[in-house]
Amino acid sequence: MDRLWSRVGVRAASVGLLLAGLTGGVYLGQNRQSEQQRTAASTTGVLRAELDDMQLLKQRQSAHAAARAWQRQAEGAAAEKAASEARSAAAKARKLEKKVIDEKKAKEAREKAANGGPVPYNGPIPASCNEYSGSRAIGCSLMLNAGFKIAEFPCLEKLWTHESGWNYKAENRSSGAYGIPQALPGRKMASAGADWKTNPATQIKWGLGYVKGRYNSPCGAWNHFQSAGSY
């Protein structure tokens, strides 16, 4: 009987130890699982914090890039505005300068007219008349405008050189003939302009009309002058 209880006791002790081991193992397993969960949670928290930091950094970089782009755009707009204002100021300055020059020329023309002229000629002088100057250049230009060919001008040049030397103030005191074409009397030229006394162009226009109406052409007038001594 004692041996039986002894064997039962041993078996009970063995079962007890086994249960204790199982319980300890379960406890240790639970502790290890808890530790792993805490480690995983800690790692997840660190990763989340790093991701948040990276996201914040990207946002800041984007904000800085946007600020730089806006600054460049603002600087470009300011530069274009400044350039536009400079161009506008330059255009106004040129316009004002031209106005001043035109007013000065007009004043000089009035003063010359008041002092006996000559009134300046502002019309174009064609290239075919470049060999002439002064009243002759004006005469050449106006002759072409009147419909005569350039070949006619040598005749006109000779005719009025003989009559007045192309002097708009030339006056024949004995006859009263006046001006470049030696209109007789001089006041006839008023039909071409009120400034006939001081404006070579006005005198030439009248003279060309006279030549055309009476002799058809400058060379016709010159041929008549050569034979008659007058035209």
Foldseek 3Di string as FASTA:
>chain_A
DVVVVVVVVVVVVVVVVVVVVVVVVVVVVVVVVVVVVVVVVVVVVVVVVVVVVVVVVVVVVVVVVVVVVVVVVVVVVVVVVVVVVVVVVVVVVVVVVVVVVVVVLVVVQVVQLVVQAQRDDDDDQDPLLVVDDDLLSLLQRVQVVVPDDSVQSVLVCVQLCVVAVQAQQDADVVQCQGGSLRDGNQCVLCVQHVSSSRYSNSVSNVNQVVCCVPQVGSNSQSVCCVVPVHD
